[in-house]
Amino acid sequence: MSNVESQTERSKSAASEGHAGHGPVSANSADTVHSLAVPDADKMRREHWLALARLFGASPDAELLGLLAASTNPRDDTPLGKAWNDLAEAAAAADPGRLDDEFHVLFIGLGRGEILPYGSWYLTGYMMDKPLARLRDDLAALGIERADGVNECEDHIAALAETMALLSDPEQGVYNAGQQQFFETHIASWVDGLFRDLLASNNARFYRPVARLGKAFIEFERSWLGLPA
């Protein structure tokens, strides 16, 4: 749904240093985790991160809405499956023009949107604060840099989701421990607040099911990345 290099880029030398790896999936894990084989989970996780990157990076167009509407699976009664089904239903009923208005009110606005989807803002109440500086140091250590022509800060949720898609790539990603450290430090530490604000916003209609999907997936990631190596 989204080109992972649209906001972030990774050097070939850094990409070759690690390979995503996971231990066996425990039968005692959460329902949305224990039934997945490792390759299936790796692919699913990357696709979810890319979907979130696309949904928060720009207003969904008619093509994306059609793909989302077709993603329903009534037989999937896991929390993540139910969230996808709710989003598919919302996508099927969404009007791209009105959705573009919603996106601008929520995230862009005149000067600023109602919601600022940046890690530094949620962690400190300020833009471009210490959490962003730490993020930039960690991205540099991973060989990841902001793509040319991108104006958003690296701690925007869309950019962070793209970064996690890079890190979780089965071929060129990093080991589970590295993913978990990045996830806990730069995403899990604040993103619950973003989803909570979206769910409470009177201006969020389509983005309420997006927030529910985000919440369900973040809980899946916490379970998956917390499994023993």
C-alpha atoms as a PDB file:
ATOM      1  CA  MET A   1       0.000   0.000   0.000  1.00  0.00           C
ATOM      2  CA  SER A   2       2.915   2.307   0.561  1.00  0.00           C
ATOM      3  CA  ASN A   3       6.493   2.507  -0.593  1.00  0.00           C
ATOM      4  CA  VAL A   4       8.552   1.993   2.517  1.00  0.00           C
ATOM      5  CA  GLU A   5      11.258   4.296   1.201  1.00  0.00           C
ATOM      6  CA  SER A   6       8.837   7.209   0.755  1.00  0.00           C
ATOM      7  CA  GLN A   7       9.862   8.803   4.055  1.00  0.00           C
ATOM      8  CA  THR A   8      12.911   6.811   5.135  1.00  0.00           C
ATOM      9  CA  GLU A   9      15.854   5.270   3.360  1.00  0.00           C
ATOM     10  CA  ARG A  10      18.330   2.673   4.503  1.00  0.00           C
ATOM     11  CA  SER A  11      21.917   2.202   3.374  1.00  0.00           C
ATOM     12  CA  LYS A  12      22.752  -1.174   1.842  1.00  0.00           C
ATOM     13  CA  SER A  13      25.661  -1.677   4.233  1.00  0.00           C
ATOM     14  CA  ALA A  14      23.493  -1.216   7.294  1.00  0.00           C
ATOM     15  CA  ALA A  15      20.723  -3.376   5.877  1.00  0.00           C
ATOM     16  CA  SER A  16      23.095  -6.273   5.409  1.00  0.00           C
ATOM     17  CA  GLU A  17      24.207  -6.295   9.051  1.00  0.00           C
ATOM     18  CA  GLY A  18      21.116  -7.994  10.467  1.00  0.00           C
ATOM     19  CA  HIS A  19      18.364 -10.414   9.604  1.00  0.00           C
ATOM     20  CA  ALA A  20      14.988 -10.532  11.283  1.00  0.00           C
ATOM     21  CA  GLY A  21      14.684 -13.606  13.470  1.00  0.00           C
ATOM     22  CA  HIS A  22      12.268 -14.955  16.090  1.00  0.00           C
ATOM     23  CA  GLY A  23      12.122 -17.872  18.429  1.00  0.00           C
ATOM     24  CA  PRO A  24       9.352 -20.458  18.407  1.00  0.00           C
ATOM     25  CA  VAL A  25       5.840 -19.193  19.015  1.00  0.00           C
ATOM     26  CA  SER A  26       4.568 -20.259  22.424  1.00  0.00           C
ATOM     27  CA  ALA A  27       1.193 -21.949  22.758  1.00  0.00           C
ATOM     28  CA  ASN A  28       0.640 -19.757  25.827  1.00  0.00           C
ATOM     29  CA  SER A  29       0.821 -16.509  23.859  1.00  0.00           C
ATOM     30  CA  ALA A  30      -2.165 -14.294  23.031  1.00  0.00           C
ATOM     31  CA  ASP A  31      -4.704 -15.685  20.550  1.00  0.00           C
ATOM     32  CA  THR A  32      -3.565 -13.311  17.829  1.00  0.00           C
ATOM     33  CA  VAL A  33       0.019 -14.492  18.225  1.00  0.00           C
ATOM     34  CA  HIS A  34       0.239 -18.200  18.969  1.00  0.00           C
ATOM     35  CA  SER A  35      -1.575 -19.424  15.860  1.00  0.00           C
ATOM     36  CA  LEU A  36       0.841 -17.742  13.456  1.00  0.00           C
ATOM     37  CA  ALA A  37       3.893 -19.417  12.003  1.00  0.00           C
ATOM     38  CA  VAL A  38       6.980 -17.198  12.070  1.00  0.00           C
ATOM     39  CA  PRO A  39       7.133 -16.418   8.304  1.00  0.00           C
ATOM     40  CA  ASP A  40       3.410 -15.595   8.297  1.00  0.00           C
ATOM     41  CA  ALA A  41       3.826 -13.267  11.270  1.00  0.00           C
ATOM     42  CA  ASP A  42       6.833 -11.511   9.726  1.00  0.00           C
ATOM     43  CA  LYS A  43       4.886 -10.815   6.537  1.00  0.00           C
ATOM     44  CA  MET A  44       1.744  -9.799   8.414  1.00  0.00           C
ATOM     45  CA  ARG A  45       3.620  -7.437  10.726  1.00  0.00           C
ATOM     46  CA  ARG A  46       5.377  -5.668   7.875  1.00  0.00           C
ATOM     47  CA  GLU A  47       2.106  -5.277   5.959  1.00  0.00           C
ATOM     48  CA  HIS A  48       0.420  -3.783   9.021  1.00  0.00           C
ATOM     49  CA  TRP A  49       3.212  -1.288   9.558  1.00  0.00           C
ATOM     50  CA  LEU A  50       3.025  -0.257   5.901  1.00  0.00           C
ATOM     51  CA  ALA A  51      -0.762   0.101   6.139  1.00  0.00           C
ATOM     52  CA  LEU A  52      -0.473   2.367   9.183  1.00  0.00           C
ATOM     53  CA  ALA A  53       2.229   4.385   7.451  1.00  0.00           C
ATOM     54  CA  ARG A  54      -0.032   4.939   4.463  1.00  0.00           C
ATOM     55  CA  LEU A  55      -3.114   5.767   6.549  1.00  0.00           C
ATOM     56  CA  PHE A  56      -1.277   8.347   8.652  1.00  0.00           C
ATOM     57  CA  GLY A  57       0.928   9.653   5.865  1.00  0.00           C
ATOM     58  CA  ALA A  58      -1.851  10.985   3.630  1.00  0.00           C
ATOM     59  CA  SER A  59      -5.589  10.941   3.199  1.00  0.00           C
ATOM     60  CA  PRO A  60      -6.707   7.594   1.722  1.00  0.00           C
ATOM     61  CA  ASP A  61      -7.720   7.819  -1.933  1.00  0.00           C
ATOM     62  CA  ALA A  62     -10.422   5.792  -3.684  1.00  0.00           C
ATOM     63  CA  GLU A  63      -7.989   3.028  -4.643  1.00  0.00           C
ATOM     64  CA  LEU A  64      -6.807   2.529  -1.071  1.00  0.00           C
ATOM     65  CA  LEU A  65     -10.368   2.636   0.249  1.00  0.00           C
ATOM     66  CA  GLY A  66     -11.294  -0.106  -2.209  1.00  0.00           C
ATOM     67  CA  LEU A  67      -8.419  -2.275  -1.015  1.00  0.00           C
ATOM     68  CA  LEU A  68      -9.372  -1.704   2.604  1.00  0.00           C
ATOM     69  CA  ALA A  69     -13.039  -2.455   1.928  1.00  0.00           C
ATOM     70  CA  ALA A  70     -12.054  -5.779   0.383  1.00  0.00           C
ATOM     71  CA  SER A  71      -9.916  -6.787   3.364  1.00  0.00           C
ATOM     72  CA  THR A  72     -12.818  -7.987   5.508  1.00  0.00           C
ATOM     73  CA  ASN A  73     -12.707 -11.499   6.961  1.00  0.00           C
ATOM     74  CA  PRO A  74     -15.826 -12.267   9.051  1.00  0.00           C
ATOM     75  CA  ARG A  75     -14.306 -15.527  10.305  1.00  0.00           C
ATOM     76  CA  ASP A  76     -11.456 -13.710  12.056  1.00  0.00           C
ATOM     77  CA  ASP A  77     -12.740 -12.937  15.543  1.00  0.00           C
ATOM     78  CA  THR A  78      -9.380 -11.990  17.065  1.00  0.00           C
ATOM     79  CA  PRO A  79      -9.063  -8.380  18.319  1.00  0.00           C
ATOM     80  CA  LEU A  80      -6.925  -7.545  15.313  1.00  0.00           C
ATOM     81  CA  GLY A  81      -9.310  -9.276  12.921  1.00  0.00           C
ATOM     82  CA  LYS A  82     -12.306  -7.462  14.358  1.00  0.00           C
ATOM     83  CA  ALA A  83     -10.455  -4.142  14.015  1.00  0.00           C
ATOM     84  CA  TRP A  84      -9.748  -4.897  10.358  1.00  0.00           C
ATOM     85  CA  ASN A  85     -13.380  -5.768   9.730  1.00  0.00           C
ATOM     86  CA  ASP A  86     -14.496  -2.489  11.329  1.00  0.00           C
ATOM     87  CA  LEU A  87     -12.027  -0.558   9.165  1.00  0.00           C
ATOM     88  CA  ALA A  88     -13.151  -2.413   6.037  1.00  0.00           C
ATOM     89  CA  GLU A  89     -16.755  -1.452   6.768  1.00  0.00           C
ATOM     90  CA  ALA A  90     -15.767   2.180   7.301  1.00  0.00           C
ATOM     91  CA  ALA A  91     -13.740   2.192   4.081  1.00  0.00           C
ATOM     92  CA  ALA A  92     -16.655   0.804   2.086  1.00  0.00           C
ATOM     93  CA  ALA A  93     -18.846   3.692   3.253  1.00  0.00           C
ATOM     94  CA  ALA A  94     -16.219   6.443   3.052  1.00  0.00           C
ATOM     95  CA  ASP A  95     -16.270   9.305   0.569  1.00  0.00           C
ATOM     96  CA  PRO A  96     -12.716  10.290  -0.504  1.00  0.00           C
ATOM     97  CA  GLY A  97     -13.529  14.006  -0.571  1.00  0.00           C
ATOM     98  CA  ARG A  98     -15.005  14.079   2.917  1.00  0.00           C
ATOM     99  CA  LEU A  99     -12.208  11.855   4.155  1.00  0.00           C
ATOM    100  CA  ASP A 100      -9.649  14.313   2.800  1.00  0.00           C
ATOM    101  CA  ASP A 101     -11.388  17.060   4.790  1.00  0.00           C
ATOM    102  CA  GLU A 102     -11.286  14.876   7.908  1.00  0.00           C
ATOM    103  CA  PHE A 103      -7.584  14.177   7.438  1.00  0.00           C
ATOM    104  CA  HIS A 104      -6.769  17.866   7.089  1.00  0.00           C
ATOM    105  CA  VAL A 105      -8.801  18.880  10.136  1.00  0.00           C
ATOM    106  CA  LEU A 106      -7.211  16.165  12.261  1.00  0.00           C
ATOM    107  CA  PHE A 107      -3.590  16.333  11.175  1.00  0.00           C
ATOM    108  CA  ILE A 108      -2.897  19.491   9.146  1.00  0.00           C
ATOM    109  CA  GLY A 109      -5.324  22.331   9.866  1.00  0.00           C
ATOM    110  CA  LEU A 110      -4.581  26.028   9.484  1.00  0.00           C
ATOM    111  CA  GLY A 111      -1.200  26.216  11.131  1.00  0.00           C
ATOM    112  CA  ARG A 112      -1.639  22.880  12.887  1.00  0.00           C
ATOM    113  CA  GLY A 113      -4.171  20.099  13.071  1.00  0.00           C
ATOM    114  CA  GLU A 114      -6.229  19.056  16.045  1.00  0.00           C
ATOM    115  CA  ILE A 115      -3.847  16.155  16.668  1.00  0.00           C
ATOM    116  CA  LEU A 116      -0.059  16.230  16.342  1.00  0.00           C
ATOM    117  CA  PRO A 117       1.073  12.652  15.599  1.00  0.00           C
ATOM    118  CA  TYR A 118       4.676  13.128  16.724  1.00  0.00           C
ATOM    119  CA  GLY A 119       6.558  11.273  19.419  1.00  0.00           C
ATOM    120  CA  SER A 120       8.213  14.365  20.887  1.00  0.00           C
ATOM    121  CA  TRP A 121       4.854  16.096  21.267  1.00  0.00           C
ATOM    122  CA  TYR A 122       3.301  13.226  23.175  1.00  0.00           C
ATOM    123  CA  LEU A 123       6.361  12.552  25.312  1.00  0.00           C
ATOM    124  CA  THR A 124       7.273  16.143  26.245  1.00  0.00           C
ATOM    125  CA  GLY A 125       4.553  18.497  24.979  1.00  0.00           C
ATOM    126  CA  TYR A 126       7.008  20.102  22.567  1.00  0.00           C
ATOM    127  CA  MET A 127       7.920  19.541  18.937  1.00  0.00           C
ATOM    128  CA  MET A 128      11.487  18.609  18.005  1.00  0.00           C
ATOM    129  CA  ASP A 129      12.534  17.925  21.583  1.00  0.00           C
ATOM    130  CA  LYS A 130      14.984  15.429  23.108  1.00  0.00           C
ATOM    131  CA  PRO A 131      13.040  12.310  22.021  1.00  0.00           C
ATOM    132  CA  LEU A 132      13.517  13.364  18.388  1.00  0.00           C
ATOM    133  CA  ALA A 133      17.249  13.861  18.928  1.00  0.00           C
ATOM    134  CA  ARG A 134      17.516  10.379  20.438  1.00  0.00           C
ATOM    135  CA  LEU A 135      15.496   8.930  17.578  1.00  0.00           C
ATOM    136  CA  ARG A 136      17.802  10.533  15.027  1.00  0.00           C
ATOM    137  CA  ASP A 137      20.825   9.051  16.792  1.00  0.00           C
ATOM    138  CA  ASP A 138      19.252   5.592  16.757  1.00  0.00           C
ATOM    139  CA  LEU A 139      18.241   5.916  13.099  1.00  0.00           C
ATOM    140  CA  ALA A 140      21.787   6.949  12.181  1.00  0.00           C
ATOM    141  CA  ALA A 141      23.159   3.903  14.014  1.00  0.00           C
ATOM    142  CA  LEU A 142      20.778   1.721  11.977  1.00  0.00           C
ATOM    143  CA  GLY A 143      21.790   3.384   8.709  1.00  0.00           C
ATOM    144  CA  ILE A 144      18.317   4.890   8.185  1.00  0.00           C
ATOM    145  CA  GLU A 145      17.880   8.472   7.050  1.00  0.00           C
ATOM    146  CA  ARG A 146      15.047  10.717   5.954  1.00  0.00           C
ATOM    147  CA  ALA A 147      14.404  10.557   2.219  1.00  0.00           C
ATOM    148  CA  ASP A 148      15.050  13.637   0.074  1.00  0.00           C
ATOM    149  CA  GLY A 149      12.086  15.976  -0.234  1.00  0.00           C
ATOM    150  CA  VAL A 150      10.354  14.784   2.971  1.00  0.00           C
ATOM    151  CA  ASN A 151       9.507  17.628   5.323  1.00  0.00           C
ATOM    152  CA  GLU A 152       7.959  15.704   8.213  1.00  0.00           C
ATOM    153  CA  CYS A 153      10.102  15.001  11.270  1.00  0.00           C
ATOM    154  CA  GLU A 154      11.259  11.449  11.783  1.00  0.00           C
ATOM    155  CA  ASP A 155       9.068  11.015  14.867  1.00  0.00           C
ATOM    156  CA  HIS A 156       5.840  11.341  12.866  1.00  0.00           C
ATOM    157  CA  ILE A 157       3.872   8.117  13.301  1.00  0.00           C
ATOM    158  CA  ALA A 158       3.883   7.460   9.548  1.00  0.00           C
ATOM    159  CA  ALA A 159       7.674   7.691   9.377  1.00  0.00           C
ATOM    160  CA  LEU A 160       8.055   5.500  12.458  1.00  0.00           C
ATOM    161  CA  ALA A 161       5.717   2.897  10.974  1.00  0.00           C
ATOM    162  CA  GLU A 162       7.778   2.844   7.786  1.00  0.00           C
ATOM    163  CA  THR A 163      10.915   2.417   9.868  1.00  0.00           C
ATOM    164  CA  MET A 164       9.388  -0.569  11.655  1.00  0.00           C
ATOM    165  CA  ALA A 165       8.496  -2.022   8.252  1.00  0.00           C
ATOM    166  CA  LEU A 166      12.169  -1.762   7.327  1.00  0.00           C
ATOM    167  CA  LEU A 167      13.349  -3.275  10.585  1.00  0.00           C
ATOM    168  CA  SER A 168      10.886  -6.176  10.420  1.00  0.00           C
ATOM    169  CA  ASP A 169      11.700  -7.091   6.827  1.00  0.00           C
ATOM    170  CA  PRO A 170      12.615 -10.810   6.833  1.00  0.00           C
ATOM    171  CA  GLU A 171      15.469 -10.299   4.360  1.00  0.00           C
ATOM    172  CA  GLN A 172      17.023  -6.971   5.338  1.00  0.00           C
ATOM    173  CA  GLY A 173      15.691  -6.206   8.783  1.00  0.00           C
ATOM    174  CA  VAL A 174      17.258  -6.544  12.223  1.00  0.00           C
ATOM    175  CA  TYR A 175      16.931  -9.145  14.924  1.00  0.00           C
ATOM    176  CA  ASN A 176      13.915  -9.286  17.203  1.00  0.00           C
ATOM    177  CA  ALA A 177      15.773  -7.636  20.101  1.00  0.00           C
ATOM    178  CA  GLY A 178      16.660  -4.634  17.942  1.00  0.00           C
ATOM    179  CA  GLN A 179      13.083  -4.298  16.745  1.00  0.00           C
ATOM    180  CA  GLN A 180      11.781  -4.484  20.298  1.00  0.00           C
ATOM    181  CA  GLN A 181      14.175  -1.822  21.552  1.00  0.00           C
ATOM    182  CA  PHE A 182      13.223   0.587  18.768  1.00  0.00           C
ATOM    183  CA  PHE A 183       9.526  -0.159  19.158  1.00  0.00           C
ATOM    184  CA  GLU A 184       9.459   0.295  22.940  1.00  0.00           C
ATOM    185  CA  THR A 185      11.583   3.443  22.908  1.00  0.00           C
ATOM    186  CA  HIS A 186      10.177   5.338  19.955  1.00  0.00           C
ATOM    187  CA  ILE A 187       6.608   4.070  19.433  1.00  0.00           C
ATOM    188  CA  ALA A 188       5.081   2.112  22.318  1.00  0.00           C
ATOM    189  CA  SER A 189       6.155   4.823  24.766  1.00  0.00           C
ATOM    190  CA  TRP A 190       3.593   7.295  23.388  1.00  0.00           C
ATOM    191  CA  VAL A 191       1.383   5.955  20.592  1.00  0.00           C
ATOM    192  CA  ASP A 192      -1.420   4.857  22.936  1.00  0.00           C
ATOM    193  CA  GLY A 193      -2.040   8.546  23.588  1.00  0.00           C
ATOM    194  CA  LEU A 194      -2.401   9.233  19.875  1.00  0.00           C
ATOM    195  CA  PHE A 195      -4.999   6.499  19.458  1.00  0.00           C
ATOM    196  CA  ARG A 196      -6.831   7.630  22.581  1.00  0.00           C
ATOM    197  CA  ASP A 197      -7.064  11.194  21.233  1.00  0.00           C
ATOM    198  CA  LEU A 198      -8.354   9.977  17.882  1.00  0.00           C
ATOM    199  CA  LEU A 199     -11.022   7.859  19.528  1.00  0.00           C
ATOM    200  CA  ALA A 200     -12.136  10.862  21.592  1.00  0.00           C
ATOM    201  CA  SER A 201     -12.136  13.370  18.723  1.00  0.00           C
ATOM    202  CA  ASN A 202     -15.488  14.620  17.442  1.00  0.00           C
ATOM    203  CA  ASN A 203     -13.824  15.223  14.074  1.00  0.00           C
ATOM    204  CA  ALA A 204     -12.617  11.635  13.691  1.00  0.00           C
ATOM    205  CA  ARG A 205     -15.039   9.363  11.899  1.00  0.00           C
ATOM    206  CA  PHE A 206     -13.031   7.154   9.559  1.00  0.00           C
ATOM    207  CA  TYR A 207      -9.985   7.576  11.802  1.00  0.00           C
ATOM    208  CA  ARG A 208     -11.717   6.044  14.796  1.00  0.00           C
ATOM    209  CA  PRO A 209     -11.577   2.541  13.276  1.00  0.00           C
ATOM    210  CA  VAL A 210      -8.049   3.387  12.121  1.00  0.00           C
ATOM    211  CA  ALA A 211      -7.200   4.111  15.764  1.00  0.00           C
ATOM    212  CA  ARG A 212      -8.825   0.844  16.873  1.00  0.00           C
ATOM    213  CA  LEU A 213      -6.755  -1.027  14.297  1.00  0.00           C
ATOM    214  CA  GLY A 214      -3.642   0.741  15.534  1.00  0.00           C
ATOM    215  CA  LYS A 215      -4.396  -0.148  19.145  1.00  0.00           C
ATOM    216  CA  ALA A 216      -5.017  -3.801  18.305  1.00  0.00           C
ATOM    217  CA  PHE A 217      -1.855  -4.062  16.236  1.00  0.00           C
ATOM    218  CA  ILE A 218       0.306  -2.369  18.858  1.00  0.00           C
ATOM    219  CA  GLU A 219      -0.943  -4.901  21.397  1.00  0.00           C
ATOM    220  CA  PHE A 220      -0.062  -7.677  18.945  1.00  0.00           C
ATOM    221  CA  GLU A 221       3.437  -6.211  18.556  1.00  0.00           C
ATOM    222  CA  ARG A 222       3.922  -6.026  22.300  1.00  0.00           C
ATOM    223  CA  SER A 223       3.023  -9.723  22.552  1.00  0.00           C
ATOM    224  CA  TRP A 224       5.071 -10.795  19.543  1.00  0.00           C
ATOM    225  CA  LEU A 225       8.188  -8.821  20.335  1.00  0.00           C
ATOM    226  CA  GLY A 226       7.986  -9.958  23.963  1.00  0.00           C
ATOM    227  CA  LEU A 227       8.281 -13.624  23.031  1.00  0.00           C
ATOM    228  CA  PRO A 228      11.560 -15.303  24.022  1.00  0.00           C
ATOM    229  CA  ALA A 229      14.149 -15.460  21.241  1.00  0.00           C
END
